Amino acid sequence: MRYRYLYAYNMKKVLYGNQCVTDVTRHYGFEYIPAFNSAEERRNDLEIWFHNFITNTAITFKHGFVWKRKVKKRIKYCAESSGDFNG
């Protein structure tokens, strides 16, 4: 299955690398990836915003308007259950 990607600036908020979070986001059909510039692929803020807007819209049509709230709640649960919670 191919997953959509959402760029994230703060990887601590999305617990990048946590298997529980990866499972949750894959259930919703996407994964978070870092929004940092690399030598191979240059990105600017407008491109990232536009990409995330299109991806958010597609996920909203598939999972409803409250998908983001559900994902954040499950990420918080993953953080607390795995010990990654930072306050």
C-alpha atoms as a PDB file:
ATOM      1  CA  MET A   1       0.000   0.000   0.000  1.00  0.00           C
ATOM      2  CA  ARG A   2       1.235   3.467  -0.815  1.00  0.00           C
ATOM      3  CA  TYR A   3       1.008   6.069   1.897  1.00  0.00           C
ATOM      4  CA  ARG A   4       0.636   9.809   1.613  1.00  0.00           C
ATOM      5  CA  TYR A   5       3.204  11.983   3.345  1.00  0.00           C
ATOM      6  CA  LEU A   6       2.745  14.980   5.625  1.00  0.00           C
ATOM      7  CA  TYR A   7       5.771  17.174   6.217  1.00  0.00           C
ATOM      8  CA  ALA A   8       6.402  18.034   9.872  1.00  0.00           C
ATOM      9  CA  TYR A   9       8.758  20.700  11.222  1.00  0.00           C
ATOM     10  CA  ASN A  10       8.670  19.531  14.842  1.00  0.00           C
ATOM     11  CA  MET A  11       9.419  15.823  14.865  1.00  0.00           C
ATOM     12  CA  LYS A  12       9.032  15.624  18.662  1.00  0.00           C
ATOM     13  CA  LYS A  13       5.312  16.419  18.368  1.00  0.00           C
ATOM     14  CA  VAL A  14       4.729  13.521  15.998  1.00  0.00           C
ATOM     15  CA  LEU A  15       7.137  11.117  17.780  1.00  0.00           C
ATOM     16  CA  TYR A  16       9.056  10.336  14.608  1.00  0.00           C
ATOM     17  CA  GLY A  17      10.427   6.801  14.814  1.00  0.00           C
ATOM     18  CA  ASN A  18       7.919   5.542  17.382  1.00  0.00           C
ATOM     19  CA  GLN A  19       6.400   2.305  16.030  1.00  0.00           C
ATOM     20  CA  CYS A  20       3.057   2.886  17.768  1.00  0.00           C
ATOM     21  CA  VAL A  21       2.672   6.271  16.043  1.00  0.00           C
ATOM     22  CA  THR A  22       3.739   4.807  12.704  1.00  0.00           C
ATOM     23  CA  ASP A  23       1.029   2.164  13.019  1.00  0.00           C
ATOM     24  CA  VAL A  24      -1.592   4.808  13.864  1.00  0.00           C
ATOM     25  CA  THR A  25      -0.684   7.091  10.970  1.00  0.00           C
ATOM     26  CA  ARG A  26      -0.487   4.196   8.517  1.00  0.00           C
ATOM     27  CA  HIS A  27      -3.997   3.200   9.602  1.00  0.00           C
ATOM     28  CA  TYR A  28      -5.079   6.641   8.379  1.00  0.00           C
ATOM     29  CA  GLY A  29      -3.059   6.229   5.169  1.00  0.00           C
ATOM     30  CA  PHE A  30      -0.183   8.641   5.747  1.00  0.00           C
ATOM     31  CA  GLU A  31       3.208   9.035   7.370  1.00  0.00           C
ATOM     32  CA  TYR A  32       5.027  12.021   8.797  1.00  0.00           C
ATOM     33  CA  ILE A  33       8.379  12.953   7.277  1.00  0.00           C
ATOM     34  CA  PRO A  34      10.816  15.712   8.235  1.00  0.00           C
ATOM     35  CA  ALA A  35      10.408  19.013   6.377  1.00  0.00           C
ATOM     36  CA  PHE A  36      14.117  19.748   6.458  1.00  0.00           C
ATOM     37  CA  ASN A  37      16.002  20.740   3.323  1.00  0.00           C
ATOM     38  CA  SER A  38      18.448  18.227   1.965  1.00  0.00           C
ATOM     39  CA  ALA A  39      20.980  18.497  -0.817  1.00  0.00           C
ATOM     40  CA  GLU A  40      19.008  16.031  -2.954  1.00  0.00           C
ATOM     41  CA  GLU A  41      15.603  17.626  -2.564  1.00  0.00           C
ATOM     42  CA  ARG A  42      15.169  21.324  -1.923  1.00  0.00           C
ATOM     43  CA  ARG A  43      11.817  22.372  -0.469  1.00  0.00           C
ATOM     44  CA  ASN A  44      10.426  25.755   0.398  1.00  0.00           C
ATOM     45  CA  ASP A  45       7.701  26.621   2.879  1.00  0.00           C
ATOM     46  CA  LEU A  46       5.078  27.333   0.209  1.00  0.00           C
ATOM     47  CA  GLU A  47       5.605  23.945  -1.456  1.00  0.00           C
ATOM     48  CA  ILE A  48       5.381  22.205   1.914  1.00  0.00           C
ATOM     49  CA  TRP A  49       2.213  24.107   2.859  1.00  0.00           C
ATOM     50  CA  PHE A  50       0.558  23.315  -0.484  1.00  0.00           C
ATOM     51  CA  HIS A  51       1.531  19.638  -0.288  1.00  0.00           C
ATOM     52  CA  ASN A  52       0.236  19.326   3.299  1.00  0.00           C
ATOM     53  CA  PHE A  53      -2.998  21.154   2.367  1.00  0.00           C
ATOM     54  CA  ILE A  54      -3.733  18.716  -0.473  1.00  0.00           C
ATOM     55  CA  THR A  55      -2.837  15.712   1.684  1.00  0.00           C
ATOM     56  CA  ASN A  56      -4.943  16.955   4.634  1.00  0.00           C
ATOM     57  CA  THR A  57      -7.891  17.477   2.297  1.00  0.00           C
ATOM     58  CA  ALA A  58      -7.592  13.955   0.878  1.00  0.00           C
ATOM     59  CA  ILE A  59      -7.394  12.421   4.357  1.00  0.00           C
ATOM     60  CA  THR A  60     -10.400  14.495   5.461  1.00  0.00           C
ATOM     61  CA  PHE A  61     -12.502  13.152   2.582  1.00  0.00           C
ATOM     62  CA  LYS A  62     -11.509   9.604   3.473  1.00  0.00           C
ATOM     63  CA  HIS A  63     -11.703   9.728   7.307  1.00  0.00           C
ATOM     64  CA  GLY A  64     -13.911  12.714   8.163  1.00  0.00           C
ATOM     65  CA  PHE A  65     -13.338  16.108   9.724  1.00  0.00           C
ATOM     66  CA  VAL A  66     -12.135  14.881  13.118  1.00  0.00           C
ATOM     67  CA  TRP A  67      -9.305  12.621  11.883  1.00  0.00           C
ATOM     68  CA  LYS A  68      -6.622  15.047  13.051  1.00  0.00           C
ATOM     69  CA  ARG A  69      -8.015  15.151  16.595  1.00  0.00           C
ATOM     70  CA  LYS A  70      -8.155  11.349  16.701  1.00  0.00           C
ATOM     71  CA  VAL A  71      -4.553  11.041  15.483  1.00  0.00           C
ATOM     72  CA  LYS A  72      -3.295  13.578  18.046  1.00  0.00           C
ATOM     73  CA  LYS A  73      -5.126  11.718  20.829  1.00  0.00           C
ATOM     74  CA  ARG A  74      -3.604   8.412  19.750  1.00  0.00           C
ATOM     75  CA  ILE A  75      -0.137   9.962  19.465  1.00  0.00           C
ATOM     76  CA  LYS A  76      -0.512  11.192  23.037  1.00  0.00           C
ATOM     77  CA  TYR A  77      -1.534   7.691  24.122  1.00  0.00           C
ATOM     78  CA  CYS A  78       1.479   6.213  22.293  1.00  0.00           C
ATOM     79  CA  ALA A  79       3.783   8.713  23.993  1.00  0.00           C
ATOM     80  CA  GLU A  80       2.450   7.919  27.453  1.00  0.00           C
ATOM     81  CA  SER A  81       2.475   4.152  26.956  1.00  0.00           C
ATOM     82  CA  SER A  82       5.993   4.040  25.501  1.00  0.00           C
ATOM     83  CA  GLY A  83       7.571   6.524  27.931  1.00  0.00           C
ATOM     84  CA  ASP A  84       8.262   9.149  25.250  1.00  0.00           C
ATOM     85  CA  PHE A  85       5.977  11.696  26.941  1.00  0.00           C
ATOM     86  CA  ASN A  86       7.798  14.961  27.664  1.00  0.00           C
ATOM     87  CA  GLY A  87       5.221  16.775  29.734  1.00  0.00           C
END
